[in-house]
Amino acid sequence: MEKLTLEELKVLESMRKSLRELQKKDLEEVIDFSEELKKRNIPKVKIITRNGKE
C-alpha cells in the first residue's frame, strides 16, 4: 500500500469535511422540503414498481 504525504492527507481530510458538510446541507434541505409538503397537506404518492405492485 502506498504511503501518503502529509500534504495529501490534509487534502483528503479537507475533502472529507467538505463532503460531510454537503451531505449535511442536502439532508437539511430534504427535511425542510418534507416539512413544507406537510404544511401544504399534499398526499403521499404510491410508488408502483415495474411489475405493477406497490
Protein backbone atom coordinates (compact mmCIF):
# COMPACT_ATOMS: atom_id res chain seq x y z
CA MET A 1 0.00 0.00 0.00
CA GLU A 2 1.33 3.41 -0.98
CA LYS A 3 2.02 5.85 1.86
CA LEU A 4 0.56 9.33 1.56
CA THR A 5 2.42 12.54 2.24
CA LEU A 6 1.24 14.89 4.96
CA GLU A 7 0.00 17.29 2.30
CA GLU A 8 -2.04 14.55 0.61
CA LEU A 9 -3.54 13.58 3.96
CA LYS A 10 -4.51 17.21 4.61
CA VAL A 11 -6.19 17.41 1.20
CA LEU A 12 -8.10 14.17 1.82
CA GLU A 13 -9.22 15.40 5.24
CA SER A 14 -10.39 18.68 3.72
CA MET A 15 -12.32 16.80 1.03
CA ARG A 16 -13.91 14.56 3.66
CA LYS A 17 -15.02 17.57 5.71
CA SER A 18 -16.41 19.30 2.62
CA LEU A 19 -18.35 16.19 1.64
CA ARG A 20 -19.74 15.87 5.17
CA GLU A 21 -20.91 19.50 5.06
CA LEU A 22 -22.53 19.00 1.67
CA GLN A 23 -24.31 15.88 2.88
CA LYS A 24 -25.50 17.74 5.99
CA LYS A 25 -26.76 20.63 3.85
CA ASP A 26 -28.55 18.23 1.48
CA LEU A 27 -30.19 16.46 4.40
CA GLU A 28 -31.34 19.77 5.88
CA GLU A 29 -32.84 20.75 2.51
CA VAL A 30 -34.71 17.43 2.28
CA ILE A 31 -36.07 17.88 5.80
CA ASP A 32 -37.14 21.45 5.03
CA PHE A 33 -38.86 20.30 1.83
CA SER A 34 -40.60 17.50 3.72
CA GLU A 35 -41.84 19.96 6.33
CA GLU A 36 -43.12 22.25 3.56
CA LEU A 37 -45.04 19.37 2.00
CA LYS A 38 -46.59 18.54 5.38
CA LYS A 39 -47.71 22.16 5.75
CA ARG A 40 -49.39 22.03 2.35
CA ASN A 41 -51.13 18.74 3.18
CA ILE A 42 -50.01 17.16 -0.08
CA PRO A 43 -50.96 13.47 -0.04
CA LYS A 44 -48.21 10.92 -0.36
CA VAL A 45 -47.94 9.23 -3.73
CA LYS A 46 -47.94 5.50 -4.18
CA ILE A 47 -44.87 4.06 -5.82
CA ILE A 48 -45.68 1.40 -8.38
CA THR A 49 -42.91 -0.94 -9.44
CA ARG A 50 -42.43 -2.17 -12.97
CA ASN A 51 -44.40 -5.32 -12.26
CA GLY A 52 -47.40 -3.24 -11.15
CA LYS A 53 -47.09 -3.84 -7.40
CA GLU A 54 -46.75 -1.18 -4.72
